[in-house]
N, C-alpha and C. Protein backbone atom coordinates (compact mmCIF):
# COMPACT_ATOMS: atom_id res chain seq x y z
N MET A 1 0.85 -1.17 0.00
CA MET A 1 0.00 0.00 0.00
C MET A 1 0.89 1.24 0.00
N ALA A 2 0.58 2.21 -0.83
CA ALA A 2 1.36 3.44 -0.90
C ALA A 2 1.23 4.22 0.40
N ARG A 3 2.31 4.92 0.75
CA ARG A 3 2.27 5.72 1.97
C ARG A 3 1.35 6.91 1.82
N TRP A 4 1.27 7.46 0.61
CA TRP A 4 0.42 8.63 0.41
C TRP A 4 -0.21 8.55 -0.96
N GLU A 5 -1.48 8.74 -1.00
CA GLU A 5 -2.21 8.83 -2.26
C GLU A 5 -3.18 9.99 -2.14
N PRO A 6 -3.44 10.68 -3.25
CA PRO A 6 -4.31 11.87 -3.18
C PRO A 6 -5.76 11.52 -2.87
N ASP A 7 -6.48 12.53 -2.39
CA ASP A 7 -7.91 12.49 -2.13
C ASP A 7 -8.33 11.38 -1.16
N ALA A 8 -7.63 11.29 -0.05
CA ALA A 8 -7.97 10.28 0.95
C ALA A 8 -9.40 10.47 1.44
N ARG A 9 -9.83 11.71 1.67
CA ARG A 9 -11.17 11.97 2.19
C ARG A 9 -12.23 11.53 1.17
N GLY A 10 -12.03 11.83 -0.08
CA GLY A 10 -12.97 11.42 -1.12
C GLY A 10 -13.03 9.91 -1.27
N ARG A 11 -11.88 9.27 -1.20
CA ARG A 11 -11.84 7.80 -1.30
C ARG A 11 -12.50 7.15 -0.09
N LEU A 12 -12.31 7.73 1.08
CA LEU A 12 -12.98 7.20 2.27
C LEU A 12 -14.49 7.37 2.15
N LEU A 13 -14.94 8.49 1.62
CA LEU A 13 -16.37 8.69 1.42
C LEU A 13 -16.93 7.64 0.46
N GLN A 14 -16.27 7.46 -0.66
CA GLN A 14 -16.73 6.47 -1.64
C GLN A 14 -16.79 5.07 -1.02
N ALA A 15 -15.73 4.70 -0.30
CA ALA A 15 -15.68 3.38 0.33
C ALA A 15 -16.77 3.22 1.39
N ALA A 16 -16.95 4.24 2.21
CA ALA A 16 -17.97 4.17 3.26
C ALA A 16 -19.36 4.02 2.66
N VAL A 17 -19.67 4.79 1.65
CA VAL A 17 -20.99 4.72 1.02
C VAL A 17 -21.21 3.33 0.42
N GLU A 18 -20.23 2.81 -0.26
CA GLU A 18 -20.36 1.47 -0.85
C GLU A 18 -20.61 0.42 0.23
N LEU A 19 -19.81 0.46 1.30
CA LEU A 19 -19.96 -0.54 2.36
C LEU A 19 -21.24 -0.36 3.15
N PHE A 20 -21.61 0.87 3.48
CA PHE A 20 -22.86 1.09 4.20
C PHE A 20 -24.04 0.64 3.36
N ASP A 21 -23.96 0.86 2.06
CA ASP A 21 -25.03 0.46 1.16
C ASP A 21 -25.11 -1.07 1.06
N ASP A 22 -23.97 -1.73 0.99
CA ASP A 22 -23.92 -3.19 0.85
C ASP A 22 -24.21 -3.93 2.16
N ARG A 23 -23.58 -3.49 3.24
CA ARG A 23 -23.61 -4.24 4.50
C ARG A 23 -24.45 -3.59 5.60
N GLY A 24 -24.73 -2.32 5.44
CA GLY A 24 -25.40 -1.56 6.49
C GLY A 24 -24.39 -0.79 7.32
N TYR A 25 -24.85 0.28 7.90
CA TYR A 25 -23.98 1.15 8.69
C TYR A 25 -23.41 0.41 9.91
N ASP A 26 -24.28 -0.23 10.69
CA ASP A 26 -23.84 -0.88 11.92
C ASP A 26 -22.89 -2.05 11.68
N ALA A 27 -23.04 -2.73 10.56
CA ALA A 27 -22.21 -3.91 10.29
C ALA A 27 -20.87 -3.56 9.63
N THR A 28 -20.64 -2.31 9.35
CA THR A 28 -19.40 -1.89 8.69
C THR A 28 -18.47 -1.27 9.72
N THR A 29 -17.21 -1.68 9.68
CA THR A 29 -16.22 -1.14 10.61
C THR A 29 -15.34 -0.09 9.93
N ALA A 30 -14.70 0.71 10.74
CA ALA A 30 -13.76 1.71 10.24
C ALA A 30 -12.62 1.02 9.49
N ALA A 31 -12.17 -0.11 10.00
CA ALA A 31 -11.08 -0.84 9.35
C ALA A 31 -11.49 -1.30 7.95
N GLN A 32 -12.72 -1.76 7.80
CA GLN A 32 -13.20 -2.18 6.48
C GLN A 32 -13.26 -1.01 5.50
N ILE A 33 -13.68 0.14 6.00
CA ILE A 33 -13.74 1.33 5.14
C ILE A 33 -12.34 1.72 4.69
N ALA A 34 -11.41 1.77 5.63
CA ALA A 34 -10.02 2.13 5.29
C ALA A 34 -9.44 1.15 4.27
N GLU A 35 -9.68 -0.13 4.50
CA GLU A 35 -9.17 -1.15 3.57
C GLU A 35 -9.75 -0.97 2.18
N ARG A 36 -11.06 -0.76 2.09
CA ARG A 36 -11.73 -0.56 0.79
C ARG A 36 -11.16 0.67 0.08
N ALA A 37 -10.80 1.69 0.85
CA ALA A 37 -10.26 2.94 0.28
C ALA A 37 -8.77 2.83 -0.05
N GLY A 38 -8.15 1.71 0.34
CA GLY A 38 -6.72 1.55 0.10
C GLY A 38 -5.87 2.36 1.05
N LEU A 39 -6.40 2.57 2.27
CA LEU A 39 -5.71 3.36 3.28
C LEU A 39 -5.63 2.58 4.57
N THR A 40 -4.92 3.12 5.53
CA THR A 40 -4.85 2.47 6.83
C THR A 40 -5.93 3.04 7.75
N LYS A 41 -6.24 2.29 8.78
CA LYS A 41 -7.21 2.77 9.77
C LYS A 41 -6.69 4.03 10.45
N THR A 42 -5.38 4.12 10.64
CA THR A 42 -4.77 5.32 11.22
C THR A 42 -5.04 6.55 10.36
N THR A 43 -4.95 6.37 9.04
CA THR A 43 -5.24 7.48 8.13
C THR A 43 -6.69 7.90 8.25
N LEU A 44 -7.59 6.93 8.33
CA LEU A 44 -9.01 7.25 8.49
C LEU A 44 -9.21 8.11 9.74
N PHE A 45 -8.62 7.69 10.84
CA PHE A 45 -8.81 8.42 12.10
C PHE A 45 -8.03 9.73 12.15
N ARG A 46 -7.07 9.89 11.28
CA ARG A 46 -6.39 11.18 11.16
C ARG A 46 -7.34 12.21 10.53
N HIS A 47 -8.20 11.74 9.66
CA HIS A 47 -9.14 12.62 8.97
C HIS A 47 -10.49 12.75 9.68
N PHE A 48 -10.94 11.68 10.34
CA PHE A 48 -12.28 11.65 10.91
C PHE A 48 -12.27 11.03 12.29
N ALA A 49 -13.12 11.56 13.17
CA ALA A 49 -13.21 11.05 14.55
C ALA A 49 -13.79 9.64 14.59
N ASP A 50 -14.70 9.34 13.66
CA ASP A 50 -15.31 8.02 13.60
C ASP A 50 -15.90 7.81 12.20
N LYS A 51 -16.41 6.61 11.95
CA LYS A 51 -16.92 6.29 10.61
C LYS A 51 -18.10 7.16 10.21
N ARG A 52 -18.88 7.59 11.16
CA ARG A 52 -20.04 8.42 10.88
C ARG A 52 -19.63 9.75 10.26
N GLU A 53 -18.55 10.33 10.77
CA GLU A 53 -18.12 11.65 10.32
C GLU A 53 -17.67 11.67 8.86
N ILE A 54 -17.34 10.52 8.31
CA ILE A 54 -16.97 10.46 6.89
C ILE A 54 -18.11 11.01 6.03
N LEU A 55 -19.35 10.69 6.40
CA LEU A 55 -20.50 11.12 5.62
C LEU A 55 -20.83 12.60 5.81
N PHE A 56 -20.32 13.21 6.86
CA PHE A 56 -20.67 14.59 7.18
C PHE A 56 -19.47 15.53 7.08
N GLN A 57 -18.52 15.15 6.26
CA GLN A 57 -17.28 15.91 6.16
C GLN A 57 -17.44 17.30 5.59
N GLY A 58 -18.54 17.63 4.98
CA GLY A 58 -18.71 18.95 4.38
C GLY A 58 -19.30 20.00 5.30
N GLN A 59 -19.61 19.67 6.55
CA GLN A 59 -20.29 20.62 7.43
C GLN A 59 -19.51 21.92 7.62
N ASP A 60 -18.24 21.85 7.93
CA ASP A 60 -17.47 23.07 8.17
C ASP A 60 -17.41 23.93 6.91
N GLU A 61 -17.29 23.29 5.77
CA GLU A 61 -17.25 24.03 4.51
C GLU A 61 -18.59 24.72 4.24
N LEU A 62 -19.69 24.03 4.51
CA LEU A 62 -21.01 24.65 4.32
C LEU A 62 -21.19 25.86 5.23
N VAL A 63 -20.80 25.74 6.49
CA VAL A 63 -20.91 26.86 7.42
C VAL A 63 -20.07 28.04 6.91
N ALA A 64 -18.85 27.77 6.50
CA ALA A 64 -17.98 28.85 6.01
C ALA A 64 -18.54 29.50 4.75
N LEU A 65 -19.08 28.70 3.85
CA LEU A 65 -19.67 29.25 2.63
C LEU A 65 -20.89 30.12 2.94
N ALA A 66 -21.76 29.65 3.82
CA ALA A 66 -22.97 30.40 4.17
C ALA A 66 -22.60 31.74 4.80
N VAL A 67 -21.71 31.72 5.76
CA VAL A 67 -21.31 32.95 6.45
C VAL A 67 -20.56 33.88 5.50
N GLY A 68 -19.65 33.33 4.73
CA GLY A 68 -18.87 34.14 3.80
C GLY A 68 -19.74 34.84 2.77
N ALA A 69 -20.75 34.15 2.28
CA ALA A 69 -21.65 34.76 1.29
C ALA A 69 -22.45 35.91 1.89
N VAL A 70 -22.87 35.75 3.14
CA VAL A 70 -23.59 36.84 3.81
C VAL A 70 -22.67 38.04 3.97
N GLU A 71 -21.47 37.78 4.43
CA GLU A 71 -20.53 38.87 4.70
C GLU A 71 -20.08 39.58 3.43
N SER A 72 -20.04 38.87 2.30
CA SER A 72 -19.55 39.48 1.06
C SER A 72 -20.65 39.97 0.13
N ALA A 73 -21.90 39.85 0.54
CA ALA A 73 -23.01 40.32 -0.29
C ALA A 73 -22.91 41.83 -0.48
N PRO A 74 -23.28 42.30 -1.67
CA PRO A 74 -23.23 43.75 -1.90
C PRO A 74 -24.05 44.52 -0.86
N ARG A 75 -23.60 45.69 -0.54
CA ARG A 75 -24.22 46.52 0.50
C ARG A 75 -25.70 46.77 0.26
N GLN A 76 -26.10 46.97 -0.97
CA GLN A 76 -27.50 47.31 -1.29
C GLN A 76 -28.42 46.09 -1.36
N SER A 77 -27.91 44.90 -1.13
CA SER A 77 -28.72 43.68 -1.23
C SER A 77 -29.84 43.67 -0.19
N THR A 78 -30.99 43.15 -0.60
CA THR A 78 -32.08 42.95 0.34
C THR A 78 -31.78 41.72 1.20
N PRO A 79 -32.42 41.58 2.35
CA PRO A 79 -32.19 40.38 3.15
C PRO A 79 -32.46 39.07 2.37
N LEU A 80 -33.52 39.05 1.55
CA LEU A 80 -33.80 37.85 0.77
C LEU A 80 -32.69 37.60 -0.25
N GLU A 81 -32.18 38.63 -0.87
CA GLU A 81 -31.07 38.46 -1.83
C GLU A 81 -29.82 37.93 -1.13
N ILE A 82 -29.59 38.40 0.08
CA ILE A 82 -28.43 37.91 0.85
C ILE A 82 -28.60 36.43 1.18
N ALA A 83 -29.79 36.04 1.64
CA ALA A 83 -30.06 34.63 1.96
C ALA A 83 -29.94 33.78 0.69
N ARG A 84 -30.46 34.27 -0.42
CA ARG A 84 -30.38 33.54 -1.69
C ARG A 84 -28.91 33.34 -2.10
N GLY A 85 -28.12 34.37 -1.99
CA GLY A 85 -26.70 34.26 -2.32
C GLY A 85 -25.99 33.25 -1.45
N SER A 86 -26.42 33.19 -0.20
CA SER A 86 -25.82 32.24 0.73
C SER A 86 -26.11 30.79 0.34
N VAL A 87 -27.37 30.49 0.03
CA VAL A 87 -27.67 29.10 -0.34
C VAL A 87 -27.12 28.76 -1.73
N ARG A 88 -27.01 29.75 -2.59
CA ARG A 88 -26.36 29.50 -3.89
C ARG A 88 -24.89 29.11 -3.66
N ALA A 89 -24.26 29.75 -2.68
CA ALA A 89 -22.88 29.40 -2.34
C ALA A 89 -22.79 27.96 -1.84
N LEU A 90 -23.79 27.53 -1.06
CA LEU A 90 -23.81 26.14 -0.57
C LEU A 90 -23.86 25.16 -1.75
N CYS A 91 -24.59 25.55 -2.78
CA CYS A 91 -24.75 24.67 -3.95
C CYS A 91 -23.43 24.44 -4.68
N SER A 92 -22.49 25.36 -4.52
CA SER A 92 -21.25 25.29 -5.28
C SER A 92 -20.40 24.07 -4.95
N ILE A 93 -20.58 23.45 -3.81
CA ILE A 93 -19.74 22.30 -3.46
C ILE A 93 -20.26 20.98 -4.02
N HIS A 94 -21.46 20.98 -4.57
CA HIS A 94 -22.04 19.74 -5.08
C HIS A 94 -21.73 19.60 -6.56
N ILE A 95 -20.97 18.59 -6.87
CA ILE A 95 -20.57 18.37 -8.26
C ILE A 95 -21.30 17.16 -8.83
N GLU A 96 -21.52 17.21 -10.11
CA GLU A 96 -22.26 16.16 -10.81
C GLU A 96 -21.64 14.78 -10.58
N GLU A 97 -20.32 14.71 -10.53
CA GLU A 97 -19.63 13.42 -10.39
C GLU A 97 -19.95 12.71 -9.08
N ARG A 98 -20.42 13.44 -8.09
CA ARG A 98 -20.73 12.82 -6.80
C ARG A 98 -22.22 12.63 -6.58
N ARG A 99 -23.03 12.87 -7.60
CA ARG A 99 -24.47 12.75 -7.42
C ARG A 99 -24.87 11.32 -7.09
N ASP A 100 -24.18 10.31 -7.64
CA ASP A 100 -24.52 8.92 -7.32
C ASP A 100 -24.31 8.64 -5.83
N ILE A 101 -23.25 9.17 -5.27
CA ILE A 101 -23.01 9.01 -3.83
C ILE A 101 -24.18 9.61 -3.06
N ARG A 102 -24.62 10.79 -3.46
CA ARG A 102 -25.71 11.47 -2.78
C ARG A 102 -27.00 10.65 -2.88
N ARG A 103 -27.24 10.03 -4.04
CA ARG A 103 -28.44 9.18 -4.20
C ARG A 103 -28.41 8.02 -3.22
N ARG A 104 -27.26 7.43 -3.06
CA ARG A 104 -27.13 6.29 -2.16
C ARG A 104 -27.33 6.71 -0.71
N LEU A 105 -26.90 7.92 -0.37
CA LEU A 105 -27.07 8.41 1.00
C LEU A 105 -28.53 8.56 1.38
N VAL A 106 -29.39 8.77 0.39
CA VAL A 106 -30.83 8.91 0.66
C VAL A 106 -31.38 7.67 1.36
N THR A 107 -30.85 6.51 1.05
CA THR A 107 -31.31 5.29 1.73
C THR A 107 -30.44 4.93 2.93
N ILE A 108 -29.18 5.33 2.89
CA ILE A 108 -28.27 4.99 3.99
C ILE A 108 -28.61 5.77 5.26
N LEU A 109 -28.79 7.07 5.15
CA LEU A 109 -29.01 7.90 6.34
C LEU A 109 -30.21 7.46 7.17
N PRO A 110 -31.38 7.22 6.56
CA PRO A 110 -32.54 6.81 7.37
C PRO A 110 -32.41 5.41 7.98
N SER A 111 -31.40 4.66 7.56
CA SER A 111 -31.25 3.30 8.08
C SER A 111 -30.63 3.26 9.47
N SER A 112 -30.18 4.40 9.96
CA SER A 112 -29.50 4.44 11.26
C SER A 112 -29.94 5.66 12.05
N ALA A 113 -30.39 5.43 13.27
CA ALA A 113 -30.78 6.54 14.15
C ALA A 113 -29.58 7.45 14.41
N GLU A 114 -28.41 6.86 14.53
CA GLU A 114 -27.18 7.63 14.77
C GLU A 114 -26.88 8.57 13.60
N LEU A 115 -27.06 8.08 12.39
CA LEU A 115 -26.83 8.91 11.21
C LEU A 115 -27.89 10.00 11.08
N MET A 116 -29.13 9.66 11.37
CA MET A 116 -30.19 10.66 11.29
C MET A 116 -29.97 11.78 12.31
N GLU A 117 -29.57 11.40 13.51
CA GLU A 117 -29.28 12.39 14.53
C GLU A 117 -28.15 13.32 14.08
N ARG A 118 -27.13 12.75 13.48
CA ARG A 118 -25.99 13.55 13.01
C ARG A 118 -26.41 14.45 11.85
N ALA A 119 -27.30 13.97 10.98
CA ALA A 119 -27.80 14.77 9.86
C ALA A 119 -28.58 15.97 10.38
N VAL A 120 -29.39 15.77 11.41
CA VAL A 120 -30.15 16.86 12.01
C VAL A 120 -29.20 17.89 12.62
N PHE A 121 -28.15 17.41 13.28
CA PHE A 121 -27.17 18.32 13.87
C PHE A 121 -26.49 19.15 12.79
N LYS A 122 -26.12 18.53 11.68
CA LYS A 122 -25.46 19.25 10.59
C LYS A 122 -26.39 20.34 10.05
N ARG A 123 -27.61 19.98 9.79
CA ARG A 123 -28.57 20.96 9.25
C ARG A 123 -28.76 22.11 10.24
N SER A 124 -28.88 21.79 11.51
CA SER A 124 -29.05 22.80 12.54
C SER A 124 -27.83 23.73 12.62
N ALA A 125 -26.64 23.17 12.51
CA ALA A 125 -25.41 23.97 12.58
C ALA A 125 -25.33 24.94 11.41
N VAL A 126 -25.68 24.49 10.22
CA VAL A 126 -25.64 25.36 9.04
C VAL A 126 -26.71 26.45 9.16
N THR A 127 -27.91 26.06 9.60
CA THR A 127 -28.99 27.03 9.77
C THR A 127 -28.62 28.10 10.80
N GLU A 128 -28.07 27.67 11.92
CA GLU A 128 -27.70 28.62 12.98
C GLU A 128 -26.58 29.55 12.52
N ALA A 129 -25.62 29.03 11.78
CA ALA A 129 -24.55 29.88 11.26
C ALA A 129 -25.11 30.94 10.32
N LEU A 130 -26.03 30.53 9.46
CA LEU A 130 -26.65 31.48 8.53
C LEU A 130 -27.50 32.49 9.30
N ARG A 131 -28.28 32.03 10.28
CA ARG A 131 -29.10 32.94 11.07
C ARG A 131 -28.25 33.99 11.79
N SER A 132 -27.18 33.54 12.38
CA SER A 132 -26.31 34.44 13.11
C SER A 132 -25.66 35.47 12.18
N ALA A 133 -25.19 35.03 11.03
CA ALA A 133 -24.57 35.94 10.06
C ALA A 133 -25.60 36.94 9.52
N LEU A 134 -26.80 36.45 9.23
CA LEU A 134 -27.85 37.35 8.75
C LEU A 134 -28.25 38.36 9.82
N ALA A 135 -28.36 37.92 11.07
CA ALA A 135 -28.72 38.83 12.16
C ALA A 135 -27.68 39.93 12.30
N ALA A 136 -26.42 39.57 12.21
CA ALA A 136 -25.36 40.57 12.31
C ALA A 136 -25.42 41.54 11.13
N ARG A 137 -25.77 41.02 9.97
CA ARG A 137 -25.79 41.86 8.76
C ARG A 137 -27.02 42.77 8.71
N ILE A 138 -28.21 42.24 9.03
CA ILE A 138 -29.43 43.04 8.85
C ILE A 138 -29.94 43.65 10.16
N GLY A 139 -29.39 43.21 11.29
CA GLY A 139 -29.76 43.81 12.57
C GLY A 139 -31.13 43.43 13.10
N ASP A 140 -31.67 42.30 12.64
CA ASP A 140 -33.00 41.88 13.09
C ASP A 140 -32.97 40.36 13.25
N SER A 141 -32.89 39.91 14.49
CA SER A 141 -32.73 38.48 14.77
C SER A 141 -33.92 37.63 14.33
N ARG A 142 -35.14 38.14 14.54
CA ARG A 142 -36.33 37.37 14.14
C ARG A 142 -36.38 37.19 12.62
N ARG A 143 -36.20 38.29 11.92
CA ARG A 143 -36.22 38.23 10.46
C ARG A 143 -35.10 37.32 9.95
N ALA A 144 -33.94 37.42 10.57
CA ALA A 144 -32.82 36.56 10.20
C ALA A 144 -33.16 35.09 10.41
N GLY A 145 -33.85 34.79 11.51
CA GLY A 145 -34.24 33.41 11.79
C GLY A 145 -35.20 32.85 10.76
N VAL A 146 -36.19 33.64 10.40
CA VAL A 146 -37.16 33.21 9.38
C VAL A 146 -36.46 33.00 8.04
N LEU A 147 -35.61 33.95 7.66
CA LEU A 147 -34.89 33.84 6.39
C LEU A 147 -33.96 32.62 6.37
N ALA A 148 -33.24 32.42 7.46
CA ALA A 148 -32.32 31.27 7.53
C ALA A 148 -33.09 29.96 7.45
N ASP A 149 -34.19 29.86 8.19
CA ASP A 149 -34.99 28.64 8.15
C ASP A 149 -35.52 28.37 6.75
N ALA A 150 -36.06 29.40 6.10
CA ALA A 150 -36.61 29.21 4.75
C ALA A 150 -35.51 28.90 3.74
N ALA A 151 -34.39 29.59 3.85
CA ALA A 151 -33.30 29.38 2.89
C ALA A 151 -32.71 27.97 3.03
N ILE A 152 -32.49 27.53 4.24
CA ILE A 152 -31.90 26.20 4.43
C ILE A 152 -32.92 25.11 4.06
N ARG A 153 -34.19 25.32 4.35
CA ARG A 153 -35.22 24.37 3.91
C ARG A 153 -35.23 24.29 2.38
N ALA A 154 -35.15 25.45 1.72
CA ALA A 154 -35.12 25.48 0.25
C ALA A 154 -33.89 24.74 -0.27
N TYR A 155 -32.75 24.94 0.40
CA TYR A 155 -31.51 24.26 0.00
C TYR A 155 -31.67 22.75 0.12
N TYR A 156 -32.13 22.27 1.26
CA TYR A 156 -32.26 20.82 1.46
C TYR A 156 -33.34 20.21 0.57
N ASP A 157 -34.47 20.88 0.43
CA ASP A 157 -35.53 20.35 -0.44
C ASP A 157 -35.10 20.37 -1.90
N GLY A 158 -34.46 21.46 -2.31
CA GLY A 158 -33.96 21.54 -3.68
C GLY A 158 -32.89 20.50 -3.94
N TYR A 159 -32.03 20.31 -2.97
CA TYR A 159 -30.97 19.30 -3.08
C TYR A 159 -31.57 17.91 -3.24
N ALA A 160 -32.58 17.59 -2.45
CA ALA A 160 -33.24 16.28 -2.55
C ALA A 160 -33.85 16.08 -3.94
N SER A 161 -34.49 17.11 -4.47
CA SER A 161 -35.08 17.02 -5.82
C SER A 161 -33.99 16.85 -6.87
N TRP A 162 -32.91 17.61 -6.74
CA TRP A 162 -31.81 17.55 -7.69
C TRP A 162 -31.15 16.17 -7.70
N VAL A 163 -30.93 15.62 -6.51
CA VAL A 163 -30.30 14.30 -6.41
C VAL A 163 -31.21 13.24 -7.04
N ALA A 164 -32.50 13.33 -6.78
CA ALA A 164 -33.45 12.33 -7.28
C ALA A 164 -33.65 12.40 -8.79
N SER A 165 -33.48 13.58 -9.36
CA SER A 165 -33.73 13.73 -10.79
C SER A 165 -32.56 13.19 -11.60
N GLY A 166 -32.83 12.80 -12.80
CA GLY A 166 -31.78 12.35 -13.69
C GLY A 166 -31.24 13.48 -14.55
N GLU A 167 -31.80 14.66 -14.40
CA GLU A 167 -31.40 15.78 -15.24
C GLU A 167 -30.08 16.37 -14.75
N ARG A 168 -29.35 16.95 -15.68
CA ARG A 168 -28.06 17.53 -15.36
C ARG A 168 -28.15 19.03 -15.09
N GLY A 169 -29.32 19.51 -14.71
CA GLY A 169 -29.50 20.93 -14.46
C GLY A 169 -28.74 21.40 -13.24
N SER A 170 -28.70 22.70 -13.09
CA SER A 170 -27.99 23.34 -11.99
C SER A 170 -28.72 23.17 -10.67
N LEU A 171 -28.02 22.73 -9.65
CA LEU A 171 -28.59 22.65 -8.31
C LEU A 171 -29.02 24.04 -7.84
N ALA A 172 -28.21 25.04 -8.12
CA ALA A 172 -28.54 26.40 -7.68
C ALA A 172 -29.88 26.86 -8.27
N ASP A 173 -30.17 26.49 -9.51
CA ASP A 173 -31.45 26.86 -10.11
C ASP A 173 -32.62 26.17 -9.42
N VAL A 174 -32.42 24.91 -9.07
CA VAL A 174 -33.47 24.15 -8.36
C VAL A 174 -33.72 24.78 -6.98
N VAL A 175 -32.65 25.11 -6.27
CA VAL A 175 -32.77 25.71 -4.95
C VAL A 175 -33.41 27.09 -5.05
N ASP A 176 -33.04 27.86 -6.07
CA ASP A 176 -33.68 29.17 -6.29
C ASP A 176 -35.20 29.01 -6.42
N GLY A 177 -35.61 28.01 -7.20
CA GLY A 177 -37.04 27.76 -7.37
C GLY A 177 -37.71 27.42 -6.06
N GLU A 178 -37.06 26.62 -5.26
CA GLU A 178 -37.61 26.26 -3.93
C GLU A 178 -37.71 27.49 -3.04
N LEU A 179 -36.69 28.34 -3.05
CA LEU A 179 -36.71 29.53 -2.22
C LEU A 179 -37.82 30.49 -2.67
N ASP A 180 -38.02 30.61 -3.97
CA ASP A 180 -39.12 31.43 -4.48
C ASP A 180 -40.46 30.88 -3.99
N ALA A 181 -40.62 29.55 -4.05
CA ALA A 181 -41.87 28.92 -3.61
C ALA A 181 -42.09 29.13 -2.11
N PHE A 182 -41.04 29.00 -1.30
CA PHE A 182 -41.17 29.22 0.14
C PHE A 182 -41.50 30.67 0.44
N SER A 183 -40.87 31.58 -0.27
CA SER A 183 -41.13 33.00 -0.07
C SER A 183 -42.59 33.33 -0.39
N ALA A 184 -43.10 32.79 -1.49
CA ALA A 184 -44.49 33.02 -1.86
C ALA A 184 -45.44 32.38 -0.84
N ALA A 185 -45.13 31.16 -0.40
CA ALA A 185 -45.98 30.48 0.57
C ALA A 185 -46.01 31.24 1.89
N LEU A 186 -44.87 31.76 2.31
CA LEU A 186 -44.82 32.51 3.56
C LEU A 186 -45.64 33.80 3.43
N GLY A 187 -45.49 34.47 2.30
CA GLY A 187 -46.29 35.67 2.07
C GLY A 187 -47.77 35.39 2.10
N ASP A 188 -48.17 34.29 1.44
CA ASP A 188 -49.59 33.90 1.44
C ASP A 188 -50.07 33.56 2.86
N ALA A 189 -49.25 32.83 3.59
CA ALA A 189 -49.64 32.42 4.95
C ALA A 189 -49.82 33.62 5.87
N LEU A 190 -49.01 34.63 5.69
CA LEU A 190 -49.09 35.81 6.55
C LEU A 190 -50.26 36.71 6.19
N HIS A 191 -50.74 36.59 4.96
CA HIS A 191 -51.83 37.47 4.53
C HIS A 191 -53.18 36.75 4.38
N THR A 192 -53.23 35.49 4.79
CA THR A 192 -54.47 34.72 4.71
C THR A 192 -55.09 34.67 6.09
N ARG A 193 -56.39 34.85 6.11
CA ARG A 193 -57.08 34.81 7.41
C ARG A 193 -57.61 33.44 7.69
């Protein structure tokens, strides 16, 4: 086995998804994942605290992208435009080549309470980071909370639709459509008696 090969994190993700899909999350060990990836167990633990974290390796990047987009939005942007720019930034990390992995995760995550709990934590962390950045930018915590909740819901719902579809369209366009629909629904809900 080579001492160093590129993209250890990507290879570990691919191996973990394959094994979790074939054997189940609980029946797969960290050692099996490392072996499938052509790496040592030590290398796996150098990158991840446990096998579960392999699937959630993008959380820090998502938080940084969401916050960075809020902070770099043009001064004249409306709060909705800022939130939209933030979720568009989140879309930038999803590449077509990894869509098959994402499809497989749709069945893997619900198969384990531990994975579902971690997925909820990830979503909550990204939402809270966006809410906090929006609150600092627009000076209104309640409005920031509503925007962050709607934007992240649009991102996750749009992402699920994009992964499920066979079309090669832009994830950002799908998420934009979801955010428009949520914005309209919220407006209708607030003005309906």
